[in-house]
């Protein structure tokens, strides 16, 4: 089964996205975490197929979690950076090839990219 960890301090967004995945991609196993420090334990203790991490969080930002995750062995191509910032800012700080994707979590068109990723994981989990 595809294991997804979502780290975001915005509890409403986290609940929405977690429930969305559970509803439309039932073969995927979703864990959510609002506390970025607690997310470090989750990253270290389990195999994660996809990590979605918010860039702007208190105490520990998404860039530091990204570094910790890649240092812990998670392939950079299994990490998606989410943010409320515009695309130019995101691509400046995370150029192409740095991770799987950088997405503005509030833009509706960005949802299509996530759906493509989730659909691919769902197909793999089904086979």
N, C-alpha and C. Protein backbone atom coordinates (compact mmCIF):
# COMPACT_ATOMS: atom_id res chain seq x y z
N UNK A 1 0.85 -1.19 0.00
CA UNK A 1 0.00 0.00 0.00
C UNK A 1 0.88 1.24 0.00
N UNK A 2 0.47 2.32 -0.66
CA UNK A 2 1.22 3.56 -0.72
C UNK A 2 1.06 4.35 0.56
N UNK A 3 2.15 4.63 1.21
CA UNK A 3 2.15 5.38 2.47
C UNK A 3 2.45 6.85 2.18
N UNK A 4 1.53 7.73 2.60
CA UNK A 4 1.69 9.17 2.42
C UNK A 4 1.73 9.83 3.79
N UNK A 5 2.72 10.69 3.99
CA UNK A 5 2.79 11.52 5.19
C UNK A 5 2.63 12.97 4.75
N UNK A 6 1.66 13.66 5.36
CA UNK A 6 1.42 15.07 5.07
C UNK A 6 1.74 15.87 6.33
N UNK A 7 2.62 16.85 6.20
CA UNK A 7 3.01 17.69 7.33
C UNK A 7 2.62 19.12 7.00
N UNK A 8 1.70 19.67 7.80
CA UNK A 8 1.22 21.03 7.58
C UNK A 8 0.62 21.53 8.88
N UNK A 9 0.97 22.73 9.29
CA UNK A 9 0.45 23.28 10.54
C UNK A 9 -0.97 23.83 10.39
N UNK A 10 -1.49 23.90 9.18
CA UNK A 10 -2.86 24.36 8.93
C UNK A 10 -3.79 23.15 9.06
N UNK A 11 -4.39 23.00 10.25
CA UNK A 11 -5.20 21.82 10.55
C UNK A 11 -6.39 21.65 9.60
N UNK A 12 -7.02 22.75 9.20
CA UNK A 12 -8.16 22.65 8.28
C UNK A 12 -7.73 22.12 6.91
N UNK A 13 -6.64 22.64 6.38
CA UNK A 13 -6.13 22.17 5.10
C UNK A 13 -5.71 20.70 5.22
N UNK A 14 -5.05 20.37 6.31
CA UNK A 14 -4.59 19.00 6.54
C UNK A 14 -5.76 18.03 6.60
N UNK A 15 -6.80 18.39 7.33
CA UNK A 15 -8.00 17.53 7.40
C UNK A 15 -8.64 17.38 6.04
N UNK A 16 -8.76 18.49 5.31
CA UNK A 16 -9.36 18.44 3.98
C UNK A 16 -8.59 17.50 3.07
N UNK A 17 -7.28 17.70 2.99
CA UNK A 17 -6.47 16.89 2.07
C UNK A 17 -6.43 15.43 2.50
N UNK A 18 -6.27 15.17 3.77
CA UNK A 18 -6.27 13.80 4.27
C UNK A 18 -7.57 13.08 3.96
N UNK A 19 -8.71 13.74 4.21
CA UNK A 19 -10.02 13.14 3.92
C UNK A 19 -10.24 12.97 2.42
N UNK A 20 -9.77 13.92 1.63
CA UNK A 20 -9.88 13.83 0.18
C UNK A 20 -9.17 12.57 -0.34
N UNK A 21 -7.95 12.37 0.13
CA UNK A 21 -7.18 11.19 -0.31
C UNK A 21 -7.88 9.91 0.14
N UNK A 22 -8.33 9.87 1.37
CA UNK A 22 -9.00 8.67 1.89
C UNK A 22 -10.26 8.35 1.10
N UNK A 23 -10.97 9.38 0.66
CA UNK A 23 -12.22 9.19 -0.09
C UNK A 23 -11.98 8.75 -1.52
N UNK A 24 -11.08 9.42 -2.23
CA UNK A 24 -10.90 9.18 -3.66
C UNK A 24 -9.77 8.21 -4.00
N UNK A 25 -8.90 7.94 -3.03
CA UNK A 25 -7.78 7.02 -3.25
C UNK A 25 -7.68 6.06 -2.06
N UNK A 26 -8.69 5.19 -1.92
CA UNK A 26 -8.80 4.37 -0.70
C UNK A 26 -7.68 3.36 -0.49
N UNK A 27 -6.89 3.06 -1.50
CA UNK A 27 -5.80 2.11 -1.32
C UNK A 27 -4.55 2.77 -0.72
N UNK A 28 -4.58 4.08 -0.60
CA UNK A 28 -3.44 4.80 -0.06
C UNK A 28 -3.60 4.98 1.45
N UNK A 29 -2.52 4.83 2.16
CA UNK A 29 -2.49 4.98 3.61
C UNK A 29 -1.97 6.38 3.93
N UNK A 30 -2.80 7.21 4.56
CA UNK A 30 -2.47 8.61 4.81
C UNK A 30 -2.27 8.85 6.30
N UNK A 31 -1.16 9.48 6.62
CA UNK A 31 -0.91 9.95 7.98
C UNK A 31 -0.71 11.45 7.90
N UNK A 32 -1.33 12.18 8.82
CA UNK A 32 -1.18 13.63 8.83
C UNK A 32 -0.53 14.07 10.13
N UNK A 33 0.16 15.19 10.06
CA UNK A 33 0.88 15.70 11.23
C UNK A 33 0.88 17.23 11.19
N UNK A 34 0.33 17.86 12.23
CA UNK A 34 0.32 19.32 12.31
C UNK A 34 1.57 19.87 12.98
N UNK A 35 2.30 19.02 13.68
CA UNK A 35 3.49 19.45 14.40
C UNK A 35 4.73 19.03 13.62
N UNK A 36 5.47 19.99 13.08
CA UNK A 36 6.62 19.62 12.26
C UNK A 36 7.71 18.87 13.02
N UNK A 37 7.86 19.14 14.31
CA UNK A 37 8.87 18.42 15.10
C UNK A 37 8.46 16.96 15.26
N UNK A 38 7.18 16.72 15.52
CA UNK A 38 6.69 15.35 15.64
C UNK A 38 6.80 14.60 14.31
N UNK A 39 6.75 15.33 13.22
CA UNK A 39 6.87 14.70 11.90
C UNK A 39 8.23 14.05 11.72
N UNK A 40 9.25 14.58 12.36
CA UNK A 40 10.58 13.99 12.25
C UNK A 40 10.59 12.54 12.73
N UNK A 41 9.84 12.27 13.81
CA UNK A 41 9.74 10.90 14.31
C UNK A 41 9.05 10.00 13.29
N UNK A 42 7.99 10.50 12.67
CA UNK A 42 7.26 9.72 11.68
C UNK A 42 8.15 9.42 10.47
N UNK A 43 8.96 10.39 10.08
CA UNK A 43 9.86 10.20 8.94
C UNK A 43 10.91 9.14 9.27
N UNK A 44 11.40 9.17 10.50
CA UNK A 44 12.45 8.25 10.89
C UNK A 44 12.00 6.82 11.18
N UNK A 45 10.72 6.62 11.49
CA UNK A 45 10.28 5.31 11.94
C UNK A 45 9.54 4.46 10.91
N UNK A 46 9.30 4.98 9.74
CA UNK A 46 8.50 4.20 8.78
C UNK A 46 8.92 4.47 7.34
N UNK A 47 8.53 3.54 6.47
CA UNK A 47 8.77 3.72 5.04
C UNK A 47 7.68 4.65 4.51
N UNK A 48 8.09 5.71 3.87
CA UNK A 48 7.15 6.69 3.32
C UNK A 48 7.32 6.71 1.81
N UNK A 49 6.21 6.52 1.10
CA UNK A 49 6.24 6.53 -0.36
C UNK A 49 6.09 7.94 -0.93
N UNK A 50 5.44 8.82 -0.16
CA UNK A 50 5.26 10.21 -0.59
C UNK A 50 5.19 11.10 0.64
N UNK A 51 5.98 12.15 0.64
CA UNK A 51 5.98 13.13 1.72
C UNK A 51 5.50 14.45 1.14
N UNK A 52 4.42 14.97 1.70
CA UNK A 52 3.91 16.31 1.34
C UNK A 52 4.21 17.20 2.54
N UNK A 53 4.95 18.28 2.32
CA UNK A 53 5.34 19.12 3.45
C UNK A 53 5.13 20.60 3.13
N UNK A 54 4.50 21.28 4.08
CA UNK A 54 4.26 22.72 3.96
C UNK A 54 5.59 23.45 4.17
N UNK A 55 5.84 24.44 3.38
CA UNK A 55 7.08 25.19 3.46
C UNK A 55 7.12 26.10 4.69
N UNK A 56 6.00 26.77 4.98
CA UNK A 56 5.97 27.75 6.07
C UNK A 56 5.28 27.17 7.29
N UNK A 57 6.08 26.84 8.30
CA UNK A 57 5.54 26.33 9.57
C UNK A 57 6.38 26.90 10.71
N UNK A 58 5.77 27.06 11.88
CA UNK A 58 6.54 27.55 13.03
C UNK A 58 7.47 26.45 13.55
N UNK A 59 8.47 26.82 14.26
CA UNK A 59 9.46 25.94 14.89
C UNK A 59 10.40 25.30 13.89
N UNK A 60 9.86 24.70 12.84
CA UNK A 60 10.67 23.96 11.89
C UNK A 60 10.01 24.09 10.52
N UNK A 61 10.67 24.78 9.60
CA UNK A 61 10.03 24.99 8.30
C UNK A 61 10.20 23.79 7.38
N UNK A 62 9.47 23.82 6.29
CA UNK A 62 9.47 22.71 5.35
C UNK A 62 10.81 22.44 4.71
N UNK A 63 11.64 23.46 4.53
CA UNK A 63 12.96 23.25 3.94
C UNK A 63 13.82 22.39 4.86
N UNK A 64 13.71 22.60 6.16
CA UNK A 64 14.48 21.79 7.11
C UNK A 64 13.94 20.36 7.17
N UNK A 65 12.63 20.22 7.10
CA UNK A 65 12.06 18.87 7.06
C UNK A 65 12.47 18.15 5.79
N UNK A 66 12.48 18.87 4.67
CA UNK A 66 12.94 18.31 3.39
C UNK A 66 14.37 17.79 3.54
N UNK A 67 15.25 18.59 4.12
CA UNK A 67 16.64 18.18 4.29
C UNK A 67 16.74 16.96 5.20
N UNK A 68 16.01 16.97 6.30
CA UNK A 68 16.02 15.83 7.22
C UNK A 68 15.53 14.57 6.51
N UNK A 69 14.47 14.70 5.74
CA UNK A 69 13.89 13.55 5.04
C UNK A 69 14.89 12.97 4.02
N UNK A 70 15.51 13.83 3.24
CA UNK A 70 16.47 13.32 2.25
C UNK A 70 17.71 12.75 2.94
N UNK A 71 18.15 13.35 4.03
CA UNK A 71 19.27 12.81 4.81
C UNK A 71 18.91 11.46 5.44
N UNK A 72 17.60 11.26 5.69
CA UNK A 72 17.13 10.00 6.28
C UNK A 72 16.89 8.91 5.24
N UNK A 73 17.08 9.25 3.97
CA UNK A 73 16.95 8.24 2.93
C UNK A 73 15.72 8.34 2.05
N UNK A 74 14.87 9.31 2.28
CA UNK A 74 13.70 9.47 1.41
C UNK A 74 14.17 10.12 0.11
N UNK A 75 13.85 9.48 -0.98
CA UNK A 75 14.23 9.99 -2.31
C UNK A 75 13.59 11.37 -2.52
N UNK A 76 14.37 12.32 -2.99
CA UNK A 76 13.86 13.68 -3.23
C UNK A 76 12.69 13.68 -4.21
N UNK A 77 12.62 12.65 -5.06
CA UNK A 77 11.53 12.55 -6.03
C UNK A 77 10.26 11.95 -5.43
N UNK A 78 10.25 11.80 -4.12
CA UNK A 78 9.06 11.36 -3.39
C UNK A 78 8.59 12.44 -2.42
N UNK A 79 9.07 13.67 -2.65
CA UNK A 79 8.72 14.78 -1.76
C UNK A 79 8.09 15.91 -2.56
N UNK A 80 6.94 16.38 -2.07
CA UNK A 80 6.25 17.52 -2.66
C UNK A 80 6.24 18.65 -1.62
N UNK A 81 6.68 19.81 -2.03
CA UNK A 81 6.67 21.00 -1.17
C UNK A 81 5.39 21.77 -1.46
N UNK A 82 4.62 22.05 -0.42
CA UNK A 82 3.39 22.83 -0.52
C UNK A 82 3.61 24.20 0.12
N UNK A 83 2.96 25.21 -0.43
CA UNK A 83 3.12 26.56 0.11
C UNK A 83 1.98 27.45 -0.35
N UNK A 84 1.81 28.54 0.34
CA UNK A 84 0.86 29.55 -0.09
C UNK A 84 1.53 30.60 -0.97
N UNK A 85 2.82 30.46 -1.19
CA UNK A 85 3.58 31.43 -1.99
C UNK A 85 3.35 31.21 -3.48
N UNK A 86 3.70 32.23 -4.27
CA UNK A 86 3.51 32.14 -5.71
C UNK A 86 4.57 31.23 -6.34
N UNK A 87 4.30 30.81 -7.55
CA UNK A 87 5.15 29.86 -8.26
C UNK A 87 6.57 30.37 -8.45
N UNK A 88 6.75 31.65 -8.76
CA UNK A 88 8.09 32.19 -8.96
C UNK A 88 8.95 32.02 -7.71
N UNK A 89 8.38 32.35 -6.56
CA UNK A 89 9.11 32.20 -5.30
C UNK A 89 9.48 30.73 -5.07
N UNK A 90 8.51 29.86 -5.27
CA UNK A 90 8.74 28.44 -5.02
C UNK A 90 9.81 27.86 -5.93
N UNK A 91 9.76 28.20 -7.20
CA UNK A 91 10.74 27.66 -8.15
C UNK A 91 12.12 28.28 -7.96
N UNK A 92 12.16 29.48 -7.40
CA UNK A 92 13.46 30.09 -7.08
C UNK A 92 14.14 29.33 -5.93
N UNK A 93 13.35 28.95 -4.93
CA UNK A 93 13.91 28.27 -3.76
C UNK A 93 14.00 26.75 -3.92
N UNK A 94 13.19 26.20 -4.80
CA UNK A 94 13.22 24.77 -5.09
C UNK A 94 13.20 24.59 -6.60
N UNK A 95 14.35 24.78 -7.26
CA UNK A 95 14.39 24.67 -8.72
C UNK A 95 14.04 23.25 -9.19
N UNK A 96 13.68 23.16 -10.46
CA UNK A 96 13.31 21.88 -11.05
C UNK A 96 14.40 20.84 -10.74
N UNK A 97 13.97 19.67 -10.31
CA UNK A 97 14.90 18.60 -9.99
C UNK A 97 15.24 18.51 -8.51
N UNK A 98 14.87 19.54 -7.74
CA UNK A 98 15.14 19.53 -6.31
C UNK A 98 14.26 18.52 -5.60
N UNK A 99 13.00 18.40 -6.05
CA UNK A 99 12.03 17.48 -5.46
C UNK A 99 11.02 17.12 -6.54
N UNK A 100 10.05 16.29 -6.19
CA UNK A 100 9.05 15.87 -7.17
C UNK A 100 8.26 17.06 -7.71
N UNK A 101 7.81 17.94 -6.80
CA UNK A 101 7.01 19.11 -7.22
C UNK A 101 6.98 20.15 -6.11
N UNK A 102 6.78 21.40 -6.51
CA UNK A 102 6.49 22.49 -5.58
C UNK A 102 5.15 23.07 -6.03
N UNK A 103 4.22 23.14 -5.09
CA UNK A 103 2.86 23.53 -5.46
C UNK A 103 2.31 24.58 -4.52
N UNK A 104 1.56 25.53 -5.08
CA UNK A 104 0.81 26.45 -4.27
C UNK A 104 -0.47 25.72 -3.85
N UNK A 105 -0.61 25.50 -2.55
CA UNK A 105 -1.70 24.66 -2.07
C UNK A 105 -3.08 25.31 -2.17
N UNK A 106 -3.13 26.59 -2.51
CA UNK A 106 -4.42 27.27 -2.61
C UNK A 106 -4.89 27.48 -4.04
N UNK A 107 -4.07 27.12 -5.03
CA UNK A 107 -4.47 27.26 -6.42
C UNK A 107 -5.14 25.98 -6.91
N UNK A 108 -6.34 26.13 -7.43
CA UNK A 108 -7.13 24.97 -7.85
C UNK A 108 -6.40 24.13 -8.92
N UNK A 109 -5.69 24.78 -9.83
CA UNK A 109 -5.01 24.04 -10.89
C UNK A 109 -3.91 23.13 -10.35
N UNK A 110 -3.37 23.49 -9.22
CA UNK A 110 -2.31 22.68 -8.61
C UNK A 110 -2.86 21.33 -8.12
N UNK A 111 -4.15 21.29 -7.85
CA UNK A 111 -4.80 20.06 -7.40
C UNK A 111 -4.67 18.96 -8.47
N UNK A 112 -4.65 19.35 -9.74
CA UNK A 112 -4.50 18.37 -10.82
C UNK A 112 -3.17 17.62 -10.72
N UNK A 113 -2.13 18.33 -10.32
CA UNK A 113 -0.82 17.69 -10.18
C UNK A 113 -0.88 16.66 -9.05
N UNK A 114 -1.46 17.05 -7.92
CA UNK A 114 -1.59 16.10 -6.82
C UNK A 114 -2.43 14.90 -7.22
N UNK A 115 -3.50 15.13 -7.96
CA UNK A 115 -4.34 14.01 -8.39
C UNK A 115 -3.57 13.04 -9.30
N UNK A 116 -2.72 13.57 -10.16
CA UNK A 116 -1.90 12.69 -11.01
C UNK A 116 -0.98 11.82 -10.14
N UNK A 117 -0.39 12.43 -9.13
CA UNK A 117 0.51 11.69 -8.23
C UNK A 117 -0.27 10.63 -7.46
N UNK A 118 -1.41 11.03 -6.89
CA UNK A 118 -2.21 10.08 -6.11
C UNK A 118 -2.74 8.96 -7.00
N UNK A 119 -3.16 9.28 -8.22
CA UNK A 119 -3.68 8.26 -9.15
C UNK A 119 -2.59 7.24 -9.48
N UNK A 120 -1.39 7.72 -9.69
CA UNK A 120 -0.28 6.80 -9.99
C UNK A 120 -0.02 5.88 -8.81
N UNK A 121 -0.03 6.43 -7.60
CA UNK A 121 0.17 5.61 -6.42
C UNK A 121 -0.95 4.60 -6.22
N UNK A 122 -2.18 5.03 -6.51
CA UNK A 122 -3.35 4.15 -6.37
C UNK A 122 -3.23 2.97 -7.33
N UNK A 123 -2.82 3.23 -8.57
CA UNK A 123 -2.65 2.15 -9.56
C UNK A 123 -1.59 1.16 -9.11
N UNK A 124 -0.48 1.67 -8.59
CA UNK A 124 0.59 0.79 -8.10
C UNK A 124 0.13 -0.04 -6.92
N UNK A 125 -0.64 0.58 -6.03
CA UNK A 125 -1.14 -0.13 -4.86
C UNK A 125 -2.12 -1.23 -5.26
N UNK A 126 -2.85 -1.01 -6.36
CA UNK A 126 -3.84 -1.98 -6.81
C UNK A 126 -3.19 -3.20 -7.50
N UNK A 127 -1.98 -3.03 -7.98
CA UNK A 127 -1.37 -4.15 -8.72
C UNK A 127 -0.51 -5.02 -7.84
